[in-house]
Amino acid sequence: MIDFKQVSPPTTGEAITLGPDGSLHVPNHPILPFIEGDGTGPDIWRASQRVFDAAVEKAYGGKRKIHWFEVFAGDKS
């Protein structure tokens, strides 16, 4: 994984990787970065994250889970 100086990546979850043939390998517990944004971003993100997590739970019956990783942009950076 990449070295981070200003942020802490999740302590659980796995990176999404590329195979030798260029195909994506998405583990059952992928780490996905997100940018919350400014303005209405925090409100939209909180609602969206709950929907995404519930959809993954329903679709995979608890076998998969997204591990969110906030990366900073805008005023937060």
PDB file of N, CA and C in Angstrom:
ATOM      1  N   MET A   1       0.847  -1.182   0.000  1.00  0.00           N
ATOM      2  CA  MET A   1       0.000   0.000   0.000  1.00  0.00           C
ATOM      3  C   MET A   1       0.892   1.245   0.000  1.00  0.00           C
ATOM      4  N   ILE A   2       0.347   2.349  -0.388  1.00  0.00           N
ATOM      5  CA  ILE A   2       1.043   3.634  -0.461  1.00  0.00           C
ATOM      6  C   ILE A   2       1.361   4.135   0.945  1.00  0.00           C
ATOM      7  N   ASP A   3       2.482   4.865   1.092  1.00  0.00           N
ATOM      8  CA  ASP A   3       2.797   5.526   2.360  1.00  0.00           C
ATOM      9  C   ASP A   3       2.032   6.836   2.434  1.00  0.00           C
ATOM     10  N   PHE A   4       1.376   7.077   3.570  1.00  0.00           N
ATOM     11  CA  PHE A   4       0.596   8.296   3.758  1.00  0.00           C
ATOM     12  C   PHE A   4       1.233   9.124   4.855  1.00  0.00           C
ATOM     13  N   LYS A   5       1.332  10.444   4.630  1.00  0.00           N
ATOM     14  CA  LYS A   5       1.959  11.326   5.607  1.00  0.00           C
ATOM     15  C   LYS A   5       0.942  12.110   6.425  1.00  0.00           C
ATOM     16  N   GLN A   6      -0.148  12.540   5.832  1.00  0.00           N
ATOM     17  CA  GLN A   6      -1.107  13.413   6.506  1.00  0.00           C
ATOM     18  C   GLN A   6      -2.404  12.714   6.911  1.00  0.00           C
ATOM     19  N   VAL A   7      -2.671  11.537   6.386  1.00  0.00           N
ATOM     20  CA  VAL A   7      -3.918  10.830   6.676  1.00  0.00           C
ATOM     21  C   VAL A   7      -3.610   9.406   7.119  1.00  0.00           C
ATOM     22  N   SER A   8      -4.546   8.805   7.802  1.00  0.00           N
ATOM     23  CA  SER A   8      -4.385   7.425   8.249  1.00  0.00           C
ATOM     24  C   SER A   8      -5.329   6.523   7.465  1.00  0.00           C
ATOM     25  N   PRO A   9      -4.776   5.584   6.706  1.00  0.00           N
ATOM     26  CA  PRO A   9      -5.648   4.663   5.974  1.00  0.00           C
ATOM     27  C   PRO A   9      -6.348   3.720   6.949  1.00  0.00           C
ATOM     28  N   PRO A  10      -7.413   3.078   6.525  1.00  0.00           N
ATOM     29  CA  PRO A  10      -8.107   2.141   7.404  1.00  0.00           C
ATOM     30  C   PRO A  10      -7.168   1.023   7.860  1.00  0.00           C
ATOM     31  N   THR A  11      -7.399   0.529   9.061  1.00  0.00           N
ATOM     32  CA  THR A  11      -6.581  -0.573   9.577  1.00  0.00           C
ATOM     33  C   THR A  11      -7.151  -1.922   9.166  1.00  0.00           C
ATOM     34  N   THR A  12      -8.344  -1.913   8.578  1.00  0.00           N
ATOM     35  CA  THR A  12      -8.956  -3.138   8.075  1.00  0.00           C
ATOM     36  C   THR A  12      -9.279  -2.945   6.600  1.00  0.00           C
ATOM     37  N   GLY A  13      -9.538  -4.029   5.921  1.00  0.00           N
ATOM     38  CA  GLY A  13      -9.839  -3.957   4.497  1.00  0.00           C
ATOM     39  C   GLY A  13      -8.602  -4.234   3.666  1.00  0.00           C
ATOM     40  N   GLU A  14      -8.829  -4.397   2.370  1.00  0.00           N
ATOM     41  CA  GLU A  14      -7.752  -4.729   1.445  1.00  0.00           C
ATOM     42  C   GLU A  14      -7.807  -3.818   0.221  1.00  0.00           C
ATOM     43  N   ALA A  15      -6.663  -3.616  -0.373  1.00  0.00           N
ATOM     44  CA  ALA A  15      -6.577  -2.786  -1.573  1.00  0.00           C
ATOM     45  C   ALA A  15      -7.175  -3.513  -2.775  1.00  0.00           C
ATOM     46  N   ILE A  16      -7.761  -2.761  -3.673  1.00  0.00           N
ATOM     47  CA  ILE A  16      -8.187  -3.277  -4.969  1.00  0.00           C
ATOM     48  C   ILE A  16      -6.943  -3.277  -5.851  1.00  0.00           C
ATOM     49  N   THR A  17      -6.684  -4.384  -6.525  1.00  0.00           N
ATOM     50  CA  THR A  17      -5.452  -4.512  -7.297  1.00  0.00           C
ATOM     51  C   THR A  17      -5.743  -4.877  -8.751  1.00  0.00           C
ATOM     52  N   LEU A  18      -4.720  -4.725  -9.570  1.00  0.00           N
ATOM     53  CA  LEU A  18      -4.776  -5.136 -10.976  1.00  0.00           C
ATOM     54  C   LEU A  18      -3.999  -6.425 -11.150  1.00  0.00           C
ATOM     55  N   GLY A  19      -4.588  -7.375 -11.871  1.00  0.00           N
ATOM     56  CA  GLY A  19      -3.886  -8.606 -12.199  1.00  0.00           C
ATOM     57  C   GLY A  19      -2.916  -8.372 -13.338  1.00  0.00           C
ATOM     58  N   PRO A  20      -2.066  -9.350 -13.622  1.00  0.00           N
ATOM     59  CA  PRO A  20      -1.084  -9.216 -14.703  1.00  0.00           C
ATOM     60  C   PRO A  20      -1.728  -8.938 -16.064  1.00  0.00           C
ATOM     61  N   ASP A  21      -2.970  -9.402 -16.228  1.00  0.00           N
ATOM     62  CA  ASP A  21      -3.666  -9.190 -17.498  1.00  0.00           C
ATOM     63  C   ASP A  21      -4.479  -7.900 -17.516  1.00  0.00           C
ATOM     64  N   GLY A  22      -4.352  -7.097 -16.444  1.00  0.00           N
ATOM     65  CA  GLY A  22      -5.074  -5.833 -16.364  1.00  0.00           C
ATOM     66  C   GLY A  22      -6.462  -5.945 -15.764  1.00  0.00           C
ATOM     67  N   SER A  23      -6.850  -7.147 -15.342  1.00  0.00           N
ATOM     68  CA  SER A  23      -8.173  -7.317 -14.734  1.00  0.00           C
ATOM     69  C   SER A  23      -8.148  -6.850 -13.280  1.00  0.00           C
ATOM     70  N   LEU A  24      -9.286  -6.349 -12.820  1.00  0.00           N
ATOM     71  CA  LEU A  24      -9.399  -5.889 -11.438  1.00  0.00           C
ATOM     72  C   LEU A  24      -9.618  -7.056 -10.492  1.00  0.00           C
ATOM     73  N   HIS A  25      -8.937  -7.020  -9.360  1.00  0.00           N
ATOM     74  CA  HIS A  25      -9.189  -7.970  -8.279  1.00  0.00           C
ATOM     75  C   HIS A  25      -9.787  -7.157  -7.136  1.00  0.00           C
ATOM     76  N   VAL A  26     -11.079  -7.369  -6.886  1.00  0.00           N
ATOM     77  CA  VAL A  26     -11.782  -6.644  -5.828  1.00  0.00           C
ATOM     78  C   VAL A  26     -12.027  -7.625  -4.688  1.00  0.00           C
ATOM     79  N   PRO A  27     -11.344  -7.438  -3.554  1.00  0.00           N
ATOM     80  CA  PRO A  27     -11.521  -8.352  -2.427  1.00  0.00           C
ATOM     81  C   PRO A  27     -12.901  -8.184  -1.787  1.00  0.00           C
ATOM     82  N   ASN A  28     -13.252  -9.090  -0.885  1.00  0.00           N
ATOM     83  CA  ASN A  28     -14.543  -9.005  -0.194  1.00  0.00           C
ATOM     84  C   ASN A  28     -14.635  -7.807   0.745  1.00  0.00           C
ATOM     85  N   HIS A  29     -13.495  -7.274   1.139  1.00  0.00           N
ATOM     86  CA  HIS A  29     -13.464  -6.125   2.049  1.00  0.00           C
ATOM     87  C   HIS A  29     -12.569  -5.032   1.458  1.00  0.00           C
ATOM     88  N   PRO A  30     -13.010  -4.422   0.342  1.00  0.00           N
ATOM     89  CA  PRO A  30     -12.166  -3.425  -0.323  1.00  0.00           C
ATOM     90  C   PRO A  30     -12.109  -2.102   0.442  1.00  0.00           C
ATOM     91  N   ILE A  31     -10.993  -1.416   0.286  1.00  0.00           N
ATOM     92  CA  ILE A  31     -10.847  -0.054   0.800  1.00  0.00           C
ATOM     93  C   ILE A  31     -11.194   0.889  -0.352  1.00  0.00           C
ATOM     94  N   LEU A  32     -12.179   1.755  -0.119  1.00  0.00           N
ATOM     95  CA  LEU A  32     -12.593   2.712  -1.147  1.00  0.00           C
ATOM     96  C   LEU A  32     -12.401   4.134  -0.636  1.00  0.00           C
ATOM     97  N   PRO A  33     -11.641   4.947  -1.367  1.00  0.00           N
ATOM     98  CA  PRO A  33     -11.483   6.344  -0.958  1.00  0.00           C
ATOM     99  C   PRO A  33     -12.726   7.154  -1.299  1.00  0.00           C
ATOM    100  N   PHE A  34     -12.950   8.194  -0.502  1.00  0.00           N
ATOM    101  CA  PHE A  34     -14.045   9.117  -0.800  1.00  0.00           C
ATOM    102  C   PHE A  34     -13.625  10.523  -0.428  1.00  0.00           C
ATOM    103  N   ILE A  35     -14.227  11.496  -1.103  1.00  0.00           N
ATOM    104  CA  ILE A  35     -14.040  12.915  -0.799  1.00  0.00           C
ATOM    105  C   ILE A  35     -15.391  13.438  -0.355  1.00  0.00           C
ATOM    106  N   GLU A  36     -15.461  13.887   0.890  1.00  0.00           N
ATOM    107  CA  GLU A  36     -16.733  14.369   1.423  1.00  0.00           C
ATOM    108  C   GLU A  36     -17.167  15.667   0.766  1.00  0.00           C
ATOM    109  N   GLY A  37     -16.239  16.543   0.515  1.00  0.00           N
ATOM    110  CA  GLY A  37     -16.564  17.815  -0.125  1.00  0.00           C
ATOM    111  C   GLY A  37     -16.994  18.881   0.861  1.00  0.00           C
ATOM    112  N   ASP A  38     -17.214  20.060   0.346  1.00  0.00           N
ATOM    113  CA  ASP A  38     -17.621  21.214   1.150  1.00  0.00           C
ATOM    114  C   ASP A  38     -19.097  21.507   0.886  1.00  0.00           C
ATOM    115  N   GLY A  39     -19.641  22.464   1.560  1.00  0.00           N
ATOM    116  CA  GLY A  39     -21.035  22.860   1.328  1.00  0.00           C
ATOM    117  C   GLY A  39     -21.991  21.764   1.756  1.00  0.00           C
ATOM    118  N   THR A  40     -22.802  21.284   0.817  1.00  0.00           N
ATOM    119  CA  THR A  40     -23.760  20.225   1.150  1.00  0.00           C
ATOM    120  C   THR A  40     -23.114  18.844   1.142  1.00  0.00           C
ATOM    121  N   GLY A  41     -21.863  18.762   0.762  1.00  0.00           N
ATOM    122  CA  GLY A  41     -21.168  17.478   0.673  1.00  0.00           C
ATOM    123  C   GLY A  41     -21.285  16.594   1.899  1.00  0.00           C
ATOM    124  N   PRO A  42     -21.011  17.114   3.113  1.00  0.00           N
ATOM    125  CA  PRO A  42     -21.104  16.259   4.302  1.00  0.00           C
ATOM    126  C   PRO A  42     -22.494  15.647   4.497  1.00  0.00           C
ATOM    127  N   ASP A  43     -23.539  16.429   4.278  1.00  0.00           N
ATOM    128  CA  ASP A  43     -24.899  15.901   4.438  1.00  0.00           C
ATOM    129  C   ASP A  43     -25.200  14.834   3.393  1.00  0.00           C
ATOM    130  N   ILE A  44     -24.830  15.107   2.163  1.00  0.00           N
ATOM    131  CA  ILE A  44     -25.057  14.146   1.084  1.00  0.00           C
ATOM    132  C   ILE A  44     -24.255  12.878   1.337  1.00  0.00           C
ATOM    133  N   TRP A  45     -22.996  13.037   1.742  1.00  0.00           N
ATOM    134  CA  TRP A  45     -22.148  11.863   1.953  1.00  0.00           C
ATOM    135  C   TRP A  45     -22.690  10.969   3.063  1.00  0.00           C
ATOM    136  N   ARG A  46     -23.089  11.529   4.200  1.00  0.00           N
ATOM    137  CA  ARG A  46     -23.593  10.707   5.308  1.00  0.00           C
ATOM    138  C   ARG A  46     -24.773   9.855   4.860  1.00  0.00           C
ATOM    139  N   ALA A  47     -25.697  10.456   4.126  1.00  0.00           N
ATOM    140  CA  ALA A  47     -26.857   9.707   3.629  1.00  0.00           C
ATOM    141  C   ALA A  47     -26.425   8.663   2.597  1.00  0.00           C
ATOM    142  N   SER A  48     -25.547   9.050   1.699  1.00  0.00           N
ATOM    143  CA  SER A  48     -25.096   8.140   0.641  1.00  0.00           C
ATOM    144  C   SER A  48     -24.366   6.934   1.217  1.00  0.00           C
ATOM    145  N   GLN A  49     -23.498   7.175   2.174  1.00  0.00           N
ATOM    146  CA  GLN A  49     -22.720   6.085   2.759  1.00  0.00           C
ATOM    147  C   GLN A  49     -23.638   5.041   3.395  1.00  0.00           C
ATOM    148  N   ARG A  50     -24.661   5.485   4.090  1.00  0.00           N
ATOM    149  CA  ARG A  50     -25.612   4.539   4.692  1.00  0.00           C
ATOM    150  C   ARG A  50     -26.303   3.707   3.612  1.00  0.00           C
ATOM    151  N   VAL A  51     -26.679   4.354   2.519  1.00  0.00           N
ATOM    152  CA  VAL A  51     -27.337   3.632   1.418  1.00  0.00           C
ATOM    153  C   VAL A  51     -26.373   2.619   0.798  1.00  0.00           C
ATOM    154  N   PHE A  52     -25.130   3.030   0.514  1.00  0.00           N
ATOM    155  CA  PHE A  52     -24.146   2.124  -0.081  1.00  0.00           C
ATOM    156  C   PHE A  52     -23.898   0.920   0.823  1.00  0.00           C
ATOM    157  N   ASP A  53     -23.681   1.188   2.123  1.00  0.00           N
ATOM    158  CA  ASP A  53     -23.408   0.100   3.065  1.00  0.00           C
ATOM    159  C   ASP A  53     -24.589  -0.861   3.164  1.00  0.00           C
ATOM    160  N   ALA A  54     -25.806  -0.329   3.207  1.00  0.00           N
ATOM    161  CA  ALA A  54     -27.003  -1.177   3.281  1.00  0.00           C
ATOM    162  C   ALA A  54     -27.163  -2.012   2.011  1.00  0.00           C
ATOM    163  N   ALA A  55     -26.856  -1.426   0.860  1.00  0.00           N
ATOM    164  CA  ALA A  55     -26.969  -2.158  -0.408  1.00  0.00           C
ATOM    165  C   ALA A  55     -25.975  -3.319  -0.463  1.00  0.00           C
ATOM    166  N   VAL A  56     -24.748  -3.083  -0.027  1.00  0.00           N
ATOM    167  CA  VAL A  56     -23.738  -4.146  -0.014  1.00  0.00           C
ATOM    168  C   VAL A  56     -24.157  -5.243   0.966  1.00  0.00           C
ATOM    169  N   GLU A  57     -24.633  -4.855   2.131  1.00  0.00           N
ATOM    170  CA  GLU A  57     -25.103  -5.832   3.129  1.00  0.00           C
ATOM    171  C   GLU A  57     -26.227  -6.691   2.551  1.00  0.00           C
ATOM    172  N   LYS A  58     -27.193  -6.059   1.926  1.00  0.00           N
ATOM    173  CA  LYS A  58     -28.340  -6.784   1.367  1.00  0.00           C
ATOM    174  C   LYS A  58     -27.918  -7.681   0.200  1.00  0.00           C
ATOM    175  N   ALA A  59     -27.079  -7.179  -0.664  1.00  0.00           N
ATOM    176  CA  ALA A  59     -26.666  -7.935  -1.848  1.00  0.00           C
ATOM    177  C   ALA A  59     -25.778  -9.131  -1.509  1.00  0.00           C
ATOM    178  N   TYR A  60     -24.925  -8.984  -0.488  1.00  0.00           N
ATOM    179  CA  TYR A  60     -23.943 -10.026  -0.198  1.00  0.00           C
ATOM    180  C   TYR A  60     -24.145 -10.705   1.149  1.00  0.00           C
ATOM    181  N   GLY A  61     -25.213 -10.363   1.860  1.00  0.00           N
ATOM    182  CA  GLY A  61     -25.534 -11.040   3.116  1.00  0.00           C
ATOM    183  C   GLY A  61     -24.425 -11.007   4.147  1.00  0.00           C
ATOM    184  N   GLY A  62     -23.697  -9.903   4.213  1.00  0.00           N
ATOM    185  CA  GLY A  62     -22.637  -9.758   5.210  1.00  0.00           C
ATOM    186  C   GLY A  62     -21.294 -10.339   4.792  1.00  0.00           C
ATOM    187  N   LYS A  63     -21.193 -10.930   3.611  1.00  0.00           N
ATOM    188  CA  LYS A  63     -19.928 -11.519   3.160  1.00  0.00           C
ATOM    189  C   LYS A  63     -18.958 -10.474   2.628  1.00  0.00           C
ATOM    190  N   ARG A  64     -19.495  -9.318   2.278  1.00  0.00           N
ATOM    191  CA  ARG A  64     -18.654  -8.225   1.777  1.00  0.00           C
ATOM    192  C   ARG A  64     -18.946  -6.962   2.573  1.00  0.00           C
ATOM    193  N   LYS A  65     -17.928  -6.117   2.691  1.00  0.00           N
ATOM    194  CA  LYS A  65     -18.086  -4.851   3.404  1.00  0.00           C
ATOM    195  C   LYS A  65     -17.091  -3.855   2.840  1.00  0.00           C
ATOM    196  N   ILE A  66     -17.542  -2.626   2.647  1.00  0.00           N
ATOM    197  CA  ILE A  66     -16.659  -1.562   2.171  1.00  0.00           C
ATOM    198  C   ILE A  66     -15.990  -0.911   3.377  1.00  0.00           C
ATOM    199  N   HIS A  67     -14.696  -0.693   3.269  1.00  0.00           N
ATOM    200  CA  HIS A  67     -13.933   0.027   4.292  1.00  0.00           C
ATOM    201  C   HIS A  67     -13.601   1.391   3.694  1.00  0.00           C
ATOM    202  N   TRP A  68     -14.257   2.411   4.201  1.00  0.00           N
ATOM    203  CA  TRP A  68     -14.162   3.760   3.640  1.00  0.00           C
ATOM    204  C   TRP A  68     -12.885   4.448   4.096  1.00  0.00           C
ATOM    205  N   PHE A  69     -12.286   5.212   3.189  1.00  0.00           N
ATOM    206  CA  PHE A  69     -11.042   5.939   3.454  1.00  0.00           C
ATOM    207  C   PHE A  69     -11.214   7.368   2.962  1.00  0.00           C
ATOM    208  N   GLU A  70     -11.337   8.296   3.900  1.00  0.00           N
ATOM    209  CA  GLU A  70     -11.523   9.695   3.506  1.00  0.00           C
ATOM    210  C   GLU A  70     -10.209  10.304   3.040  1.00  0.00           C
ATOM    211  N   VAL A  71     -10.245  10.879   1.860  1.00  0.00           N
ATOM    212  CA  VAL A  71      -9.121  11.665   1.352  1.00  0.00           C
ATOM    213  C   VAL A  71      -9.593  13.112   1.296  1.00  0.00           C
ATOM    214  N   PHE A  72      -8.702  14.022   1.579  1.00  0.00           N
ATOM    215  CA  PHE A  72      -9.098  15.408   1.773  1.00  0.00           C
ATOM    216  C   PHE A  72      -8.931  16.253   0.519  1.00  0.00           C
ATOM    217  N   ALA A  73      -9.905  17.143   0.314  1.00  0.00           N
ATOM    218  CA  ALA A  73      -9.887  18.102  -0.786  1.00  0.00           C
ATOM    219  C   ALA A  73     -10.644  19.340  -0.317  1.00  0.00           C
ATOM    220  N   GLY A  74     -10.481  20.425  -1.009  1.00  0.00           N
ATOM    221  CA  GLY A  74     -11.193  21.651  -0.653  1.00  0.00           C
ATOM    222  C   GLY A  74     -10.729  22.206   0.679  1.00  0.00           C
ATOM    223  N   ASP A  75     -11.667  22.741   1.471  1.00  0.00           N
ATOM    224  CA  ASP A  75     -11.323  23.361   2.755  1.00  0.00           C
ATOM    225  C   ASP A  75     -10.677  22.382   3.724  1.00  0.00           C
ATOM    226  N   LYS A  76     -11.040  21.114   3.661  1.00  0.00           N
ATOM    227  CA  LYS A  76     -10.476  20.124   4.584  1.00  0.00           C
ATOM    228  C   LYS A  76      -8.989  19.884   4.346  1.00  0.00           C
ATOM    229  N   SER A  77      -8.550  20.103   3.115  1.00  0.00           N
ATOM    230  CA  SER A  77      -7.144  19.838   2.823  1.00  0.00           C
ATOM    231  C   SER A  77      -6.319  21.021   3.276  1.00  0.00           C
TER     232      SER A  77
END
